[in-house]
């Protein structure tokens, strides 16, 4: 999707773009959040999109990709969290029908551009280490929970 088209789409979803210095994601400034999100690249979420569906959805939890398009990858519920540079980067991945979800692949959005919801929802934690869970808790509960934590 082109950036200009995406701006109209976001306006219809009441998602505002704010200056980078004002962007906050669960209490983190944008750069701190993106660094934390990037650390999730090595986490095994036990997801399998090759069979055409998310195991989390099959288990009744909605899964991480449920209604990706209408919530703009769940950024809709995060308030003033998106800056222009992030939205420009996201525009090349977004499809108005499927969001960032692609059949057989799952989310194609780089981790540092995904919303907290997209990062902390998983199918199984069987392969996760304690450090993996700590990162996901920091993302899920935000900077106030992280005070004094690793």
N, C-alpha and C. Protein backbone atom coordinates (compact mmCIF):
# COMPACT_ATOMS: atom_id res chain seq x y z
N UNK A 1 0.85 -1.17 0.00
CA UNK A 1 0.00 0.00 0.00
C UNK A 1 0.90 1.24 0.00
N UNK A 2 0.49 2.25 -0.70
CA UNK A 2 1.23 3.50 -0.73
C UNK A 2 1.01 4.26 0.57
N UNK A 3 2.00 5.01 0.97
CA UNK A 3 1.94 5.76 2.23
C UNK A 3 0.72 6.66 2.29
N UNK A 4 0.41 7.38 1.23
CA UNK A 4 -0.73 8.30 1.22
C UNK A 4 -2.05 7.56 1.43
N UNK A 5 -2.19 6.40 0.80
CA UNK A 5 -3.38 5.57 0.99
C UNK A 5 -3.47 5.08 2.44
N UNK A 6 -2.32 4.72 2.98
CA UNK A 6 -2.28 4.23 4.35
C UNK A 6 -2.67 5.33 5.33
N UNK A 7 -2.29 6.56 5.08
CA UNK A 7 -2.67 7.66 5.96
C UNK A 7 -4.19 7.79 6.05
N UNK A 8 -4.87 7.66 4.92
CA UNK A 8 -6.34 7.72 4.89
C UNK A 8 -6.91 6.55 5.69
N UNK A 9 -6.35 5.36 5.47
CA UNK A 9 -6.80 4.16 6.18
C UNK A 9 -6.64 4.35 7.70
N UNK A 10 -5.49 4.84 8.12
CA UNK A 10 -5.24 5.05 9.55
C UNK A 10 -6.17 6.12 10.13
N UNK A 11 -6.45 7.13 9.35
CA UNK A 11 -7.38 8.16 9.80
C UNK A 11 -8.77 7.56 10.04
N UNK A 12 -9.19 6.66 9.19
CA UNK A 12 -10.48 5.98 9.37
C UNK A 12 -10.49 5.10 10.61
N UNK A 13 -9.33 4.61 11.01
CA UNK A 13 -9.21 3.80 12.23
C UNK A 13 -8.93 4.65 13.48
N UNK A 14 -8.88 5.96 13.29
CA UNK A 14 -8.56 6.90 14.37
C UNK A 14 -7.17 6.66 14.97
N UNK A 15 -6.23 6.27 14.13
CA UNK A 15 -4.84 6.11 14.54
C UNK A 15 -4.10 7.37 14.12
N UNK A 16 -3.51 8.04 15.11
CA UNK A 16 -2.79 9.28 14.85
C UNK A 16 -1.29 9.02 14.75
N UNK A 17 -0.64 9.76 13.89
CA UNK A 17 0.81 9.72 13.77
C UNK A 17 1.34 10.89 14.58
N UNK A 18 2.30 10.60 15.45
CA UNK A 18 2.85 11.62 16.35
C UNK A 18 4.34 11.80 16.05
N UNK A 19 4.92 12.92 16.50
CA UNK A 19 6.37 13.09 16.36
C UNK A 19 7.10 11.98 17.12
N UNK A 20 8.24 11.57 16.61
CA UNK A 20 9.00 10.47 17.20
C UNK A 20 9.23 10.67 18.69
N UNK A 21 9.58 11.86 19.10
CA UNK A 21 9.87 12.12 20.51
C UNK A 21 8.63 12.00 21.41
N UNK A 22 7.45 12.06 20.84
CA UNK A 22 6.21 11.92 21.61
C UNK A 22 5.65 10.49 21.60
N UNK A 23 6.17 9.67 20.71
CA UNK A 23 5.66 8.30 20.59
C UNK A 23 6.04 7.47 21.81
N UNK A 24 5.05 6.79 22.38
CA UNK A 24 5.27 5.92 23.54
C UNK A 24 4.54 4.61 23.30
N UNK A 25 5.24 3.51 23.58
CA UNK A 25 4.65 2.19 23.46
C UNK A 25 4.72 1.55 24.84
N UNK A 26 3.58 1.50 25.50
CA UNK A 26 3.48 0.93 26.85
C UNK A 26 4.52 1.52 27.79
N UNK A 27 4.73 2.82 27.66
CA UNK A 27 5.64 3.54 28.55
C UNK A 27 7.07 3.63 28.06
N UNK A 28 7.43 2.89 27.04
CA UNK A 28 8.78 2.97 26.47
C UNK A 28 8.82 4.05 25.40
N UNK A 29 9.96 4.77 25.29
CA UNK A 29 10.10 5.63 24.12
C UNK A 29 10.26 4.70 22.92
N UNK A 30 10.03 5.22 21.74
CA UNK A 30 9.95 4.40 20.54
C UNK A 30 11.23 3.60 20.27
N UNK A 31 12.39 4.22 20.45
CA UNK A 31 13.64 3.51 20.18
C UNK A 31 13.86 2.38 21.18
N UNK A 32 13.55 2.60 22.46
CA UNK A 32 13.71 1.55 23.47
C UNK A 32 12.77 0.38 23.16
N UNK A 33 11.54 0.70 22.76
CA UNK A 33 10.59 -0.36 22.41
C UNK A 33 11.08 -1.17 21.22
N UNK A 34 11.57 -0.49 20.19
CA UNK A 34 12.02 -1.19 18.99
C UNK A 34 13.20 -2.12 19.30
N UNK A 35 14.09 -1.70 20.17
CA UNK A 35 15.22 -2.56 20.57
C UNK A 35 14.71 -3.80 21.29
N UNK A 36 13.75 -3.60 22.19
CA UNK A 36 13.17 -4.72 22.92
C UNK A 36 12.44 -5.67 21.97
N UNK A 37 11.67 -5.11 21.04
CA UNK A 37 10.93 -5.92 20.08
C UNK A 37 11.87 -6.73 19.19
N UNK A 38 12.97 -6.15 18.79
CA UNK A 38 13.93 -6.85 17.94
C UNK A 38 14.50 -8.08 18.65
N UNK A 39 14.59 -8.02 19.96
CA UNK A 39 15.12 -9.15 20.73
C UNK A 39 14.22 -10.39 20.65
N UNK A 40 13.00 -10.23 20.18
CA UNK A 40 12.08 -11.38 20.07
C UNK A 40 12.35 -12.24 18.85
N UNK A 41 13.27 -11.83 17.98
CA UNK A 41 13.55 -12.59 16.75
C UNK A 41 13.99 -14.02 17.03
N UNK A 42 14.61 -14.26 18.16
CA UNK A 42 15.14 -15.59 18.46
C UNK A 42 14.17 -16.45 19.28
N UNK A 43 13.04 -15.90 19.65
CA UNK A 43 12.07 -16.64 20.47
C UNK A 43 11.29 -17.62 19.60
N UNK A 44 11.15 -18.85 20.08
CA UNK A 44 10.35 -19.86 19.39
C UNK A 44 8.91 -19.78 19.91
N UNK A 45 8.03 -19.20 19.12
CA UNK A 45 6.63 -19.03 19.50
C UNK A 45 5.81 -20.29 19.25
N UNK A 46 6.40 -21.28 18.64
CA UNK A 46 5.74 -22.55 18.30
C UNK A 46 4.53 -22.33 17.38
N UNK A 47 4.64 -21.36 16.48
CA UNK A 47 3.57 -21.07 15.53
C UNK A 47 3.84 -21.83 14.22
N UNK A 48 2.80 -22.25 13.58
CA UNK A 48 2.92 -22.96 12.31
C UNK A 48 1.87 -22.42 11.35
N UNK A 49 2.31 -21.55 10.46
CA UNK A 49 1.38 -20.95 9.51
C UNK A 49 1.33 -21.72 8.19
N UNK A 50 2.15 -22.76 8.06
CA UNK A 50 2.17 -23.51 6.80
C UNK A 50 0.90 -24.31 6.58
N UNK A 51 0.20 -24.63 7.66
CA UNK A 51 -1.05 -25.39 7.50
C UNK A 51 -2.25 -24.47 7.25
N UNK A 52 -1.98 -23.18 7.12
CA UNK A 52 -3.04 -22.24 6.75
C UNK A 52 -3.77 -21.59 7.90
N UNK A 53 -3.42 -21.93 9.13
CA UNK A 53 -4.08 -21.31 10.27
C UNK A 53 -3.13 -21.23 11.45
N UNK A 54 -3.47 -20.42 12.39
CA UNK A 54 -2.67 -20.23 13.59
C UNK A 54 -3.18 -21.18 14.68
N UNK A 55 -2.26 -21.89 15.32
CA UNK A 55 -2.67 -22.81 16.40
C UNK A 55 -3.37 -22.06 17.52
N UNK A 56 -2.93 -20.84 17.80
CA UNK A 56 -3.58 -20.03 18.84
C UNK A 56 -5.04 -19.79 18.52
N UNK A 57 -5.36 -19.63 17.25
CA UNK A 57 -6.76 -19.44 16.84
C UNK A 57 -7.53 -20.74 17.00
N UNK A 58 -6.88 -21.85 16.69
CA UNK A 58 -7.54 -23.15 16.84
C UNK A 58 -7.87 -23.46 18.30
N UNK A 59 -7.03 -22.95 19.21
CA UNK A 59 -7.23 -23.20 20.63
C UNK A 59 -8.26 -22.24 21.25
N UNK A 60 -8.81 -21.35 20.44
CA UNK A 60 -9.85 -20.46 20.93
C UNK A 60 -9.34 -19.15 21.50
N UNK A 61 -8.04 -18.92 21.41
CA UNK A 61 -7.47 -17.70 21.96
C UNK A 61 -7.44 -16.55 20.99
N UNK A 62 -7.91 -16.74 19.79
CA UNK A 62 -7.92 -15.66 18.81
C UNK A 62 -6.64 -15.62 18.00
N UNK A 63 -5.55 -16.06 18.58
CA UNK A 63 -4.28 -16.04 17.86
C UNK A 63 -3.77 -14.64 17.66
N UNK A 64 -2.51 -14.54 17.30
CA UNK A 64 -1.90 -13.22 17.16
C UNK A 64 -2.33 -12.51 15.89
N UNK A 65 -2.80 -13.22 14.91
CA UNK A 65 -3.10 -12.61 13.61
C UNK A 65 -4.60 -12.39 13.37
N UNK A 66 -5.40 -12.63 14.37
CA UNK A 66 -6.84 -12.45 14.26
C UNK A 66 -7.16 -10.98 14.03
N UNK A 67 -7.83 -10.67 12.96
CA UNK A 67 -8.26 -9.31 12.61
C UNK A 67 -7.09 -8.33 12.51
N UNK A 68 -6.01 -8.78 11.92
CA UNK A 68 -4.82 -7.94 11.76
C UNK A 68 -5.13 -6.66 10.98
N UNK A 69 -5.86 -6.78 9.89
CA UNK A 69 -6.10 -5.62 9.03
C UNK A 69 -6.93 -4.55 9.71
N UNK A 70 -8.02 -4.93 10.36
CA UNK A 70 -8.92 -3.92 10.92
C UNK A 70 -8.35 -3.23 12.16
N UNK A 71 -7.32 -3.79 12.74
CA UNK A 71 -6.68 -3.14 13.89
C UNK A 71 -5.30 -2.64 13.55
N UNK A 72 -4.95 -2.68 12.25
CA UNK A 72 -3.62 -2.29 11.79
C UNK A 72 -2.55 -2.97 12.64
N UNK A 73 -2.63 -4.29 12.68
CA UNK A 73 -1.65 -5.07 13.43
C UNK A 73 -1.69 -4.78 14.92
N UNK A 74 -2.86 -4.48 15.43
CA UNK A 74 -3.11 -4.17 16.84
C UNK A 74 -2.53 -2.84 17.30
N UNK A 75 -2.00 -2.02 16.40
CA UNK A 75 -1.53 -0.70 16.79
C UNK A 75 -2.70 0.20 17.17
N UNK A 76 -3.88 -0.14 16.71
CA UNK A 76 -5.06 0.69 16.99
C UNK A 76 -5.28 0.88 18.49
N UNK A 77 -4.91 -0.11 19.29
CA UNK A 77 -5.17 -0.02 20.73
C UNK A 77 -4.00 0.55 21.53
N UNK A 78 -2.95 1.01 20.85
CA UNK A 78 -1.76 1.47 21.56
C UNK A 78 -1.65 2.98 21.75
N UNK A 79 -2.61 3.74 21.26
CA UNK A 79 -2.54 5.18 21.49
C UNK A 79 -1.47 5.86 20.66
N UNK A 80 -0.84 6.91 21.20
CA UNK A 80 0.13 7.69 20.41
C UNK A 80 1.48 6.97 20.32
N UNK A 81 1.55 5.93 19.49
CA UNK A 81 2.74 5.10 19.44
C UNK A 81 3.44 5.10 18.09
N UNK A 82 2.80 5.59 17.05
CA UNK A 82 3.37 5.50 15.72
C UNK A 82 3.86 6.84 15.22
N UNK A 83 5.09 6.85 14.73
CA UNK A 83 5.65 8.05 14.12
C UNK A 83 5.67 7.88 12.60
N UNK A 84 5.98 8.95 11.90
CA UNK A 84 5.93 8.92 10.44
C UNK A 84 6.90 7.89 9.85
N UNK A 85 8.12 7.82 10.37
CA UNK A 85 9.11 6.88 9.83
C UNK A 85 8.62 5.43 9.97
N UNK A 86 8.02 5.10 11.09
CA UNK A 86 7.51 3.73 11.29
C UNK A 86 6.38 3.43 10.32
N UNK A 87 5.45 4.38 10.18
CA UNK A 87 4.31 4.16 9.29
C UNK A 87 4.78 4.05 7.84
N UNK A 88 5.74 4.85 7.45
CA UNK A 88 6.29 4.74 6.09
C UNK A 88 6.88 3.34 5.87
N UNK A 89 7.61 2.85 6.86
CA UNK A 89 8.20 1.51 6.74
C UNK A 89 7.12 0.43 6.70
N UNK A 90 6.07 0.60 7.47
CA UNK A 90 4.99 -0.38 7.53
C UNK A 90 4.15 -0.40 6.25
N UNK A 91 4.06 0.73 5.58
CA UNK A 91 3.21 0.85 4.39
C UNK A 91 3.54 -0.17 3.32
N UNK A 92 4.81 -0.48 3.14
CA UNK A 92 5.17 -1.43 2.08
C UNK A 92 4.74 -2.85 2.38
N UNK A 93 4.42 -3.15 3.62
CA UNK A 93 4.01 -4.51 4.02
C UNK A 93 2.49 -4.67 4.15
N UNK A 94 1.76 -3.56 4.24
CA UNK A 94 0.34 -3.61 4.61
C UNK A 94 -0.57 -3.88 3.42
N UNK A 95 -1.57 -4.74 3.67
CA UNK A 95 -2.63 -5.02 2.72
C UNK A 95 -3.95 -4.77 3.46
N UNK A 96 -4.85 -4.01 2.86
CA UNK A 96 -6.09 -3.64 3.55
C UNK A 96 -6.98 -4.84 3.87
N UNK A 97 -6.82 -5.95 3.17
CA UNK A 97 -7.65 -7.14 3.43
C UNK A 97 -7.04 -8.07 4.47
N UNK A 98 -5.72 -8.24 4.42
CA UNK A 98 -5.07 -9.21 5.30
C UNK A 98 -4.15 -8.59 6.34
N UNK A 99 -4.00 -7.27 6.31
CA UNK A 99 -3.09 -6.62 7.23
C UNK A 99 -1.65 -6.98 6.87
N UNK A 100 -0.91 -7.50 7.84
CA UNK A 100 0.47 -7.91 7.63
C UNK A 100 0.57 -9.43 7.52
N UNK A 101 -0.56 -10.10 7.60
CA UNK A 101 -0.62 -11.55 7.57
C UNK A 101 -0.56 -12.05 6.13
N UNK A 102 0.24 -13.10 5.91
CA UNK A 102 0.29 -13.74 4.61
C UNK A 102 0.13 -15.23 4.79
N UNK A 103 -0.69 -15.83 3.93
CA UNK A 103 -0.96 -17.27 4.00
C UNK A 103 0.33 -18.06 3.92
N UNK A 104 0.47 -19.03 4.79
CA UNK A 104 1.62 -19.91 4.79
C UNK A 104 2.88 -19.32 5.40
N UNK A 105 2.82 -18.06 5.79
CA UNK A 105 4.00 -17.37 6.31
C UNK A 105 3.75 -16.76 7.68
N UNK A 106 2.57 -16.21 7.88
CA UNK A 106 2.28 -15.45 9.10
C UNK A 106 2.56 -13.98 8.86
N UNK A 107 2.99 -13.30 9.88
CA UNK A 107 3.24 -11.86 9.79
C UNK A 107 4.53 -11.58 9.03
N UNK A 108 4.47 -10.66 8.09
CA UNK A 108 5.67 -10.31 7.31
C UNK A 108 6.31 -9.02 7.82
N UNK A 109 5.74 -8.42 8.82
CA UNK A 109 6.27 -7.17 9.36
C UNK A 109 7.51 -7.45 10.21
N UNK A 110 8.59 -6.69 10.03
CA UNK A 110 9.75 -6.87 10.90
C UNK A 110 9.37 -6.70 12.37
N UNK A 111 10.01 -7.45 13.23
CA UNK A 111 9.64 -7.46 14.66
C UNK A 111 9.63 -6.08 15.29
N UNK A 112 10.59 -5.24 14.94
CA UNK A 112 10.66 -3.92 15.58
C UNK A 112 9.51 -3.01 15.18
N UNK A 113 8.72 -3.41 14.18
CA UNK A 113 7.55 -2.63 13.78
C UNK A 113 6.23 -3.25 14.25
N UNK A 114 6.31 -4.40 14.90
CA UNK A 114 5.08 -5.06 15.37
C UNK A 114 4.61 -4.47 16.69
N UNK A 115 3.31 -4.54 16.89
CA UNK A 115 2.71 -4.04 18.13
C UNK A 115 3.02 -4.99 19.29
N UNK A 116 2.87 -4.52 20.53
CA UNK A 116 3.07 -5.41 21.67
C UNK A 116 2.21 -6.67 21.59
N UNK A 117 0.94 -6.54 21.21
CA UNK A 117 0.06 -7.71 21.11
C UNK A 117 0.65 -8.75 20.17
N UNK A 118 1.17 -8.30 19.05
CA UNK A 118 1.74 -9.23 18.06
C UNK A 118 3.00 -9.90 18.57
N UNK A 119 3.64 -9.33 19.56
CA UNK A 119 4.88 -9.89 20.08
C UNK A 119 4.69 -10.79 21.28
N UNK A 120 3.67 -10.56 22.10
CA UNK A 120 3.55 -11.38 23.31
C UNK A 120 2.53 -12.51 23.21
N UNK A 121 1.73 -12.57 22.16
CA UNK A 121 0.81 -13.68 21.99
C UNK A 121 1.55 -14.81 21.29
N UNK A 122 1.48 -16.02 21.84
CA UNK A 122 2.19 -17.14 21.26
C UNK A 122 1.34 -18.40 21.34
N UNK A 123 1.70 -19.39 20.53
CA UNK A 123 0.95 -20.64 20.51
C UNK A 123 1.34 -21.55 21.67
N UNK A 124 2.62 -21.60 21.99
CA UNK A 124 3.10 -22.44 23.08
C UNK A 124 4.41 -21.88 23.59
N UNK A 125 4.63 -21.98 24.88
CA UNK A 125 5.90 -21.52 25.44
C UNK A 125 6.83 -22.69 25.74
N UNK A 126 6.54 -23.86 25.17
CA UNK A 126 7.33 -25.07 25.41
C UNK A 126 8.82 -24.90 25.13
N UNK A 127 9.16 -24.14 24.10
CA UNK A 127 10.56 -23.98 23.70
C UNK A 127 11.17 -22.68 24.21
N UNK A 128 10.45 -21.93 25.04
CA UNK A 128 10.95 -20.64 25.51
C UNK A 128 11.81 -20.79 26.76
N UNK A 129 12.84 -19.97 26.82
CA UNK A 129 13.67 -19.92 28.02
C UNK A 129 13.07 -18.91 28.99
N UNK A 130 13.59 -18.86 30.17
CA UNK A 130 13.15 -17.86 31.15
C UNK A 130 13.42 -16.45 30.65
N UNK A 131 14.54 -16.27 29.96
CA UNK A 131 14.86 -14.96 29.39
C UNK A 131 13.86 -14.58 28.32
N UNK A 132 13.45 -15.55 27.49
CA UNK A 132 12.43 -15.29 26.47
C UNK A 132 11.15 -14.79 27.12
N UNK A 133 10.70 -15.48 28.15
CA UNK A 133 9.46 -15.07 28.84
C UNK A 133 9.62 -13.69 29.46
N UNK A 134 10.78 -13.39 30.01
CA UNK A 134 11.04 -12.08 30.60
C UNK A 134 10.88 -10.97 29.57
N UNK A 135 11.43 -11.18 28.38
CA UNK A 135 11.30 -10.18 27.30
C UNK A 135 9.83 -9.98 26.96
N UNK A 136 9.08 -11.08 26.84
CA UNK A 136 7.66 -10.96 26.49
C UNK A 136 6.86 -10.28 27.60
N UNK A 137 7.20 -10.53 28.86
CA UNK A 137 6.51 -9.85 29.97
C UNK A 137 6.81 -8.36 29.94
N UNK A 138 8.06 -8.00 29.64
CA UNK A 138 8.43 -6.58 29.56
C UNK A 138 7.63 -5.88 28.47
N UNK A 139 7.42 -6.58 27.36
CA UNK A 139 6.65 -6.00 26.26
C UNK A 139 5.17 -5.94 26.63
N UNK A 140 4.63 -7.01 27.19
CA UNK A 140 3.21 -7.08 27.50
C UNK A 140 2.81 -6.07 28.57
N UNK A 141 3.57 -6.00 29.65
CA UNK A 141 3.17 -5.17 30.78
C UNK A 141 3.80 -3.79 30.78
N UNK A 142 4.75 -3.54 29.91
CA UNK A 142 5.29 -2.21 29.71
C UNK A 142 6.40 -1.82 30.65
N UNK A 143 6.83 -0.57 30.49
CA UNK A 143 7.99 -0.03 31.20
C UNK A 143 7.77 0.02 32.71
N UNK A 144 6.55 0.26 33.16
CA UNK A 144 6.33 0.34 34.61
C UNK A 144 6.55 -1.01 35.28
N UNK A 145 6.21 -2.10 34.60
CA UNK A 145 6.46 -3.44 35.14
C UNK A 145 7.95 -3.75 35.12
N UNK A 146 8.66 -3.19 34.14
CA UNK A 146 10.06 -3.50 33.92
C UNK A 146 10.99 -2.81 34.90
N UNK A 147 10.51 -1.82 35.64
CA UNK A 147 11.39 -1.10 36.56
C UNK A 147 12.05 -2.07 37.52
N UNK A 148 13.38 -2.07 37.53
CA UNK A 148 14.12 -2.94 38.43
C UNK A 148 14.30 -4.34 37.92
N UNK A 149 13.71 -4.68 36.79
CA UNK A 149 13.84 -6.03 36.22
C UNK A 149 15.05 -6.07 35.29
N UNK A 150 15.40 -7.28 34.88
CA UNK A 150 16.54 -7.49 33.98
C UNK A 150 16.33 -6.77 32.67
